[in-house]
Protein backbone atom coordinates (compact mmCIF):
# COMPACT_ATOMS: atom_id res chain seq x y z
CA MET A 1 0.00 0.00 0.00
CA ALA A 2 1.39 3.38 -0.95
CA PRO A 3 1.38 5.53 2.19
CA ASP A 4 1.49 8.84 0.32
CA ASN A 5 -1.81 8.42 -1.46
CA ARG A 6 -3.64 6.09 0.91
CA ARG A 7 -3.18 7.98 4.18
CA ARG A 8 -6.46 9.36 5.38
CA ARG A 9 -7.11 12.43 7.46
CA LEU A 10 -8.62 12.11 10.90
CA SER A 11 -12.17 13.42 10.81
CA LEU A 12 -14.77 13.66 13.52
CA GLY A 13 -17.82 12.75 11.45
CA TRP A 14 -21.45 12.69 12.54
CA ALA A 15 -20.89 9.68 14.79
CA GLY A 16 -18.12 11.50 16.62
CA VAL A 17 -20.27 14.59 17.11
CA ALA A 18 -23.22 12.50 18.34
CA GLY A 19 -20.91 10.63 20.69
CA ILE A 20 -19.51 13.81 22.21
CA VAL A 21 -23.01 15.25 22.71
CA LEU A 22 -24.19 12.05 24.38
CA SER A 23 -21.08 11.93 26.58
CA VAL A 24 -21.62 15.53 27.73
CA ILE A 25 -25.24 14.76 28.63
CA LEU A 26 -24.32 11.61 30.55
CA LEU A 27 -21.45 13.33 32.36
CA TRP A 28 -23.82 16.11 33.37
CA TRP A 29 -26.28 13.53 34.74
CA THR A 30 -23.49 11.71 36.58
CA LEU A 31 -22.00 14.82 38.17
CA ARG A 32 -25.14 16.76 38.97
CA ASP A 33 -25.52 17.40 42.72
CA ILE A 34 -22.01 15.97 43.29
CA ARG A 35 -19.50 18.16 45.13
CA LEU A 36 -16.02 17.91 43.61
CA ALA A 37 -14.36 18.01 47.03
CA ASP A 38 -16.42 15.03 48.20
CA LEU A 39 -15.67 13.15 44.98
CA ILE A 40 -11.92 13.63 45.37
CA GLY A 41 -12.14 12.84 49.07
CA HIS A 42 -13.66 9.42 48.46
CA MET A 43 -11.07 8.66 45.77
CA ARG A 44 -8.21 9.63 48.09
CA ALA A 45 -9.59 7.37 50.83
CA VAL A 46 -9.33 4.14 48.82
CA ALA A 47 -7.25 1.23 50.06
CA VAL A 48 -4.05 1.47 48.03
CA VAL A 49 -3.12 -2.23 47.73
CA PRO A 50 -6.41 -3.56 46.28
CA PHE A 51 -6.73 -0.47 44.11
CA ALA A 52 -3.23 -0.97 42.67
CA GLY A 53 -4.14 -4.62 42.12
CA CYS A 54 -7.26 -3.49 40.27
CA VAL A 55 -5.18 -1.39 37.85
CA VAL A 56 -2.65 -4.20 37.28
CA VAL A 57 -5.34 -6.85 36.69
CA ALA A 58 -7.32 -4.56 34.35
CA THR A 59 -4.16 -3.96 32.30
CA LEU A 60 -3.40 -7.70 32.21
CA VAL A 61 -6.65 -8.19 30.29
CA PHE A 62 -5.11 -6.72 27.13
CA PRO A 63 -2.34 -9.32 26.63
CA LEU A 64 -4.96 -11.98 27.39
CA ARG A 65 -7.07 -10.50 24.59
CA THR A 66 -4.05 -10.79 22.32
CA ILE A 67 -3.70 -14.50 23.11
CA ARG A 68 -7.34 -15.04 22.20
CA TRP A 69 -6.91 -13.05 19.00
CA ARG A 70 -4.12 -15.42 17.89
CA TYR A 71 -6.66 -18.25 17.82
CA LEU A 72 -9.22 -16.19 15.94
CA LEU A 73 -6.76 -14.79 13.39
CA GLN A 74 -4.76 -17.63 11.88
CA LEU A 75 -3.46 -17.98 8.34
CA ASP A 76 -3.66 -21.56 7.01
CA GLU A 77 -3.89 -22.81 10.61
CA ARG A 78 -0.62 -20.99 11.40
CA ALA A 79 -0.70 -18.68 14.41
CA LEU A 80 0.62 -15.18 13.88
CA PRO A 81 3.48 -14.04 16.15
CA PHE A 82 2.38 -12.62 19.49
CA VAL A 83 4.43 -9.39 19.51
CA PRO A 84 2.93 -7.67 16.42
CA LEU A 85 -0.54 -8.77 17.53
CA TRP A 86 0.14 -7.25 20.94
CA HIS A 87 1.26 -3.99 19.36
CA ALA A 88 -1.91 -3.91 17.24
CA THR A 89 -4.07 -4.64 20.30
CA ALA A 90 -2.42 -1.91 22.38
CA ILE A 91 -2.63 0.58 19.52
CA GLY A 92 -6.30 -0.21 18.95
CA PHE A 93 -7.36 0.28 22.56
CA MET A 94 -5.17 3.37 22.87
CA ALA A 95 -6.91 4.79 19.79
CA ASN A 96 -10.32 4.11 21.36
CA ASN A 97 -9.15 6.19 24.31
CA LEU A 98 -7.83 9.11 22.27
CA LEU A 99 -9.80 9.19 19.01
CA PRO A 100 -13.54 9.69 18.43
CA ALA A 101 -16.24 7.30 17.21
CA ARG A 102 -14.53 4.04 18.28
CA ALA A 103 -11.69 4.62 15.84
CA GLY A 104 -9.74 1.96 17.72
CA GLU A 105 -11.62 -0.80 15.92
CA VAL A 106 -10.34 0.43 12.55
CA ALA A 107 -6.94 1.27 14.07
CA ARG A 108 -6.47 -2.25 15.37
CA VAL A 109 -7.25 -3.80 11.98
CA TYR A 110 -5.06 -1.26 10.19
CA ALA A 111 -2.17 -1.88 12.59
CA VAL A 112 -2.28 -5.66 12.33
CA ARG A 113 -2.41 -5.43 8.54
CA GLN A 114 0.64 -3.16 8.50
CA LEU A 115 2.58 -5.27 11.00
CA THR A 116 1.76 -8.79 9.78
CA GLY A 117 0.49 -8.45 6.22
CA VAL A 118 -2.79 -10.18 7.07
CA GLN A 119 -5.67 -9.10 4.86
CA PHE A 120 -7.75 -6.20 6.15
CA SER A 121 -10.98 -8.14 5.60
CA ALA A 122 -9.66 -11.21 7.44
CA ALA A 123 -8.67 -9.10 10.43
CA ALA A 124 -12.05 -7.35 10.39
CA GLY A 125 -13.80 -10.72 10.28
CA SER A 126 -11.85 -11.91 13.31
CA LEU A 127 -13.03 -8.85 15.25
CA VAL A 128 -16.63 -9.64 14.30
CA VAL A 129 -16.24 -13.09 15.88
CA GLU A 130 -14.49 -11.52 18.88
CA ARG A 131 -17.34 -9.07 19.48
CA VAL A 132 -19.96 -11.82 19.27
CA MET A 133 -17.94 -13.94 21.72
CA ASP A 134 -17.64 -10.97 24.03
CA GLY A 135 -21.39 -10.42 23.94
CA LEU A 136 -22.27 -14.04 24.69
CA THR A 137 -19.69 -14.25 27.47
CA LEU A 138 -20.85 -11.02 29.06
CA VAL A 139 -24.50 -12.09 28.96
CA THR A 140 -23.53 -15.42 30.58
CA LEU A 141 -21.49 -13.75 33.33
CA LEU A 142 -24.25 -11.20 33.83
CA GLY A 143 -26.70 -14.05 34.34
CA ILE A 144 -24.34 -15.71 36.82
CA GLY A 145 -23.98 -12.42 38.69
CA ILE A 146 -27.75 -12.01 38.90
CA LEU A 147 -28.32 -15.59 40.07
CA ALA A 148 -25.59 -15.25 42.72
CA SER A 149 -27.09 -12.08 44.17
CA ASP A 150 -30.45 -10.69 45.20
CA PHE A 151 -30.51 -8.37 42.18
CA ASP A 152 -34.11 -7.78 41.17
CA THR A 153 -34.56 -8.79 37.53
CA GLY A 154 -37.96 -7.12 37.61
CA THR A 155 -36.31 -3.70 37.78
CA VAL A 156 -37.66 -1.64 34.87
CA VAL A 157 -35.08 -0.02 32.57
CA LEU A 158 -36.35 2.08 29.63
CA GLY A 159 -39.77 0.48 29.79
CA LEU A 160 -38.69 -3.19 30.02
CA SER A 161 -37.77 -5.37 32.96
CA PHE A 162 -34.09 -6.09 33.42
CA GLY A 163 -34.77 -9.80 32.89
CA ARG A 164 -36.29 -9.11 29.48
CA TRP A 165 -33.35 -6.94 28.49
CA LEU A 166 -31.00 -9.76 29.51
CA GLY A 167 -32.95 -12.36 27.54
CA GLY A 168 -33.24 -10.10 24.49
CA VAL A 169 -29.55 -9.23 24.38
CA GLY A 170 -28.60 -12.89 24.88
CA LEU A 171 -30.90 -13.92 22.02
CA LEU A 172 -29.40 -11.22 19.80
CA PHE A 173 -25.87 -12.54 20.23
CA VAL A 174 -26.98 -16.15 19.73
CA VAL A 175 -28.62 -15.10 16.45
CA LEU A 176 -25.49 -13.18 15.38
CA LEU A 177 -23.29 -16.19 16.14
CA GLY A 178 -25.66 -18.47 14.26
CA GLY A 179 -25.62 -16.12 11.28
CA ALA A 180 -21.82 -16.00 11.27
CA ILE A 181 -21.58 -19.82 11.41
CA TRP A 182 -24.10 -20.08 8.57
CA ALA A 183 -22.13 -17.58 6.47
CA VAL A 184 -18.89 -19.50 7.00
CA HIS A 185 -20.17 -23.01 6.36
CA TRP A 186 -22.63 -22.09 3.59
CA PRO A 187 -21.00 -19.06 1.92
CA ASP A 188 -22.84 -19.27 -1.41
CA PRO A 189 -26.37 -18.59 -0.11
CA ALA A 190 -24.94 -16.04 2.35
CA LEU A 191 -23.20 -14.19 -0.48
CA SER A 192 -26.34 -14.42 -2.64
CA LEU A 193 -28.37 -12.84 0.14
CA SER A 194 -25.71 -10.16 0.64
CA ARG A 195 -25.65 -9.43 -3.09
CA TRP A 196 -29.44 -9.08 -3.13
CA VAL A 197 -29.45 -6.67 -0.16
CA ILE A 198 -26.47 -4.61 -1.36
CA SER A 199 -27.76 -4.25 -4.91
CA ARG A 200 -31.00 -2.79 -3.57
CA THR A 201 -29.51 -0.46 -0.99
CA LEU A 202 -26.28 0.93 -2.48
CA PRO A 203 -25.42 2.78 -5.70
CA VAL A 204 -23.88 0.62 -8.41
CA ARG A 205 -20.44 2.24 -8.06
CA TRP A 206 -20.29 1.17 -4.39
CA ALA A 207 -22.07 -2.19 -4.62
CA ASP A 208 -19.13 -4.19 -6.07
CA LYS A 209 -16.71 -2.87 -3.46
CA ALA A 210 -19.18 -3.51 -0.67
CA LEU A 211 -19.79 -7.07 -1.83
CA GLY A 212 -16.06 -7.68 -2.07
CA ALA A 213 -15.65 -6.41 1.48
CA VAL A 214 -18.46 -8.67 2.73
CA ALA A 215 -16.89 -11.68 1.01
CA GLY A 216 -13.57 -10.84 2.65
CA VAL A 217 -15.19 -10.58 6.07
CA PHE A 218 -16.85 -13.97 5.55
CA GLU A 219 -13.40 -15.36 4.84
CA GLY A 220 -12.15 -13.68 7.99
CA LEU A 221 -14.66 -15.66 10.04
CA SER A 222 -12.54 -18.76 9.44
CA ALA A 223 -12.19 -19.45 13.18
CA LEU A 224 -15.80 -20.66 13.06
CA ARG A 225 -14.84 -23.44 10.63
CA ASN A 226 -12.49 -25.09 13.08
CA TRP A 227 -14.39 -26.16 16.18
CA ARG A 228 -11.19 -26.70 18.17
CA ARG A 229 -10.01 -23.14 17.52
CA PHE A 230 -13.47 -21.81 18.22
CA GLY A 231 -13.65 -23.75 21.49
CA ILE A 232 -10.24 -22.53 22.64
CA ALA A 233 -11.09 -18.92 21.73
CA SER A 234 -14.39 -19.24 23.61
CA ALA A 235 -12.54 -20.49 26.69
CA TRP A 236 -10.18 -17.54 26.45
CA SER A 237 -13.22 -15.24 26.26
CA VAL A 238 -14.34 -16.57 29.63
CA ILE A 239 -10.81 -16.05 31.01
CA VAL A 240 -10.59 -12.50 29.63
CA TRP A 241 -13.88 -11.36 31.12
CA SER A 242 -13.45 -13.25 34.39
CA VAL A 243 -10.11 -11.50 34.92
CA ASN A 244 -11.68 -8.18 33.95
CA GLY A 245 -14.50 -8.81 36.39
CA PHE A 246 -11.93 -9.49 39.12
CA SER A 247 -10.49 -6.02 38.53
CA PHE A 248 -13.93 -4.54 39.24
CA TYR A 249 -14.13 -6.64 42.40
CA LEU A 250 -10.73 -5.39 43.60
CA CYS A 251 -11.95 -1.83 43.06
CA ILE A 252 -15.07 -2.63 45.08
CA VAL A 253 -12.78 -3.83 47.90
CA ALA A 254 -10.62 -0.70 47.57
CA PHE A 255 -13.67 1.56 47.95
CA ASP A 256 -15.10 -0.68 50.68
CA LEU A 257 -18.51 -0.87 49.01
CA PRO A 258 -21.07 -2.97 50.92
CA VAL A 259 -22.08 -5.07 47.91
CA PRO A 260 -21.69 -8.79 47.07
CA TRP A 261 -18.88 -10.05 44.82
CA SER A 262 -21.42 -10.75 42.08
CA THR A 263 -21.84 -6.99 41.67
CA ALA A 264 -18.51 -6.97 39.80
CA LEU A 265 -19.91 -9.30 37.10
CA ILE A 266 -23.11 -7.29 36.76
CA LEU A 267 -21.22 -4.01 36.69
CA GLN A 268 -18.69 -4.99 34.02
CA SER A 269 -21.36 -6.44 31.73
CA LEU A 270 -23.61 -3.40 31.93
CA ILE A 271 -20.65 -1.08 31.38
CA ALA A 272 -19.45 -3.10 28.39
CA PHE A 273 -22.87 -2.84 26.76
CA GLY A 274 -23.20 0.82 27.79
CA VAL A 275 -19.95 1.92 26.18
CA SER A 276 -21.07 0.41 22.88
CA LEU A 277 -23.12 3.61 22.50
CA PRO A 278 -21.54 6.49 20.57
CA SER A 279 -19.37 8.46 22.97
CA ALA A 280 -16.44 10.79 23.31
CA PRO A 281 -12.91 9.30 23.20
CA GLY A 282 -12.26 6.99 26.13
CA PHE A 283 -15.99 6.28 26.64
CA PHE A 284 -16.20 9.06 29.24
CA GLY A 285 -19.86 9.65 30.00
CA PRO A 286 -21.44 6.26 29.29
CA PHE A 287 -18.93 4.51 31.57
CA GLU A 288 -19.61 6.80 34.54
CA ALA A 289 -23.38 6.97 34.02
CA VAL A 290 -23.81 3.18 33.81
CA THR A 291 -21.55 2.62 36.81
CA LYS A 292 -23.37 5.18 38.93
CA GLY A 293 -26.79 3.92 37.85
CA THR A 294 -25.90 0.30 38.63
CA LEU A 295 -24.46 1.07 42.06
CA LEU A 296 -27.51 3.20 42.91
CA LEU A 297 -29.57 0.01 42.51
CA TYR A 298 -27.54 -1.35 45.44
CA SER A 299 -28.35 1.79 47.48
CA ILE A 300 -24.77 3.06 47.25
CA ASP A 301 -24.47 6.79 47.91
CA ALA A 302 -24.39 8.75 44.64
CA THR A 303 -21.09 10.48 45.46
CA VAL A 304 -19.41 7.20 46.43
CA ALA A 305 -20.75 5.52 43.27
CA THR A 306 -19.47 8.38 41.13
CA SER A 307 -16.08 8.29 42.87
CA TYR A 308 -15.84 4.56 42.13
CA ALA A 309 -16.70 5.19 38.48
CA PHE A 310 -14.10 7.90 37.95
CA GLY A 311 -11.47 6.15 40.08
CA TYR A 312 -11.68 2.90 38.13
CA HIS A 313 -12.01 4.56 34.74
CA LEU A 314 -9.24 7.13 35.05
CA PHE A 315 -6.61 4.86 36.57
CA THR A 316 -7.22 1.92 34.22
CA PHE A 317 -7.36 4.35 31.26
CA VAL A 318 -3.74 5.45 31.67
CA PRO A 319 -1.67 2.20 31.40
CA ILE A 320 -3.12 0.88 28.12
CA THR A 321 -3.03 4.38 26.62
CA LEU A 322 0.69 4.70 27.43
CA LEU A 323 1.38 1.15 26.24
CA GLY A 324 -0.47 1.88 22.99
CA LEU A 325 1.51 5.07 22.41
CA TRP A 326 4.72 3.15 23.09
CA SER A 327 3.68 0.46 20.57
CA LEU A 328 2.82 3.19 18.07
CA ALA A 329 6.30 4.67 18.45
CA ARG A 330 7.99 1.27 18.24
CA THR A 331 6.15 0.25 15.07
CA ARG A 332 6.63 3.64 13.38
CA LEU A 333 2.93 3.98 12.57
CA HIS A 334 1.18 7.34 12.75
CA LEU A 335 -1.76 8.39 14.90
CA THR A 336 -3.35 10.24 11.96
CA ASP A 337 -3.49 6.95 10.02
CA LEU A 338 -5.63 5.35 12.72
CA GLY A 339 -8.64 7.65 12.70
CA THR A 340 -10.05 6.82 9.28
CA HIS A 341 -13.71 5.92 8.98
CA ASP A 342 -13.74 5.59 5.22
CA ALA A 343 -13.93 2.34 3.35
CA PRO A 344 -11.18 -0.08 4.27
CA PRO A 345 -8.06 -0.10 2.15
CA THR A 346 -7.92 -2.53 -0.71
CA ASP A 347 -6.09 -5.73 0.18
CA ASP A 348 -2.95 -6.23 -1.79
């Protein structure tokens, strides 16, 4: 790929603007009636050892994600080397923290393509599988957290009971996984359906490129063809999110919150789904609002809940951002290359 004529400019776009507006609204809701001095006071009163452990464990999740990605992104059953995949992972999550509109998803695919030569569409397909695995794992752990606590599934959120939301989201990810498996094992009817939809929704000049991209993504779902690889990657998904949940538990201990351990599983799942909304860089706004709202259900004081939210978010934000910037410097990539939201580059 020729860098001079393929490099794209970082642009905010409508999604970035919408995300920033939503983040501002949610931050306003989170911080209303909260005194800054009280917020800082609660953060300064945390137990240092479990809080430091929380930050270390949360950062450990990212190399664990890289291990899982090796099983999802294999070329001819050959695992890619860990180090470039780690650099791509760190760069991607750093970009999510610093760039708008979840640019880290594109950045991660771009980085792994530049560092390993893997096709852009194959890398994108592996992230599709990863996201579906994440969703199913989070729904499962959320269910475990609810069963292990006295959390009321009849609590109404946006007009529906929490139990119905849980069942609906779980069903959604099961359907997505089923669709991905169908597309991989029966690509011809899947491509025919894609061609029919694309031809009726996109201009002719874009339809061929879009169909080529879809076909490439189908090819990138290759982990679903090998049940052993899929099983191992699924097991790593449980490890990744269990370790991440432990970081939330350590933060609960650090803030001495009177809640059961299962709150950590419920909290991380709701936050993970909450930050899928458009937001400002770093997911500031949705993260704090969901955390505060969840802890309020446990009758935690609003200021304490908000302190927990900002304490966890700010101090786990820093390590992966610094590691990503270090990886960016080591690999000689450029931050401006990572913010593109245009069509993916053509695979060589």
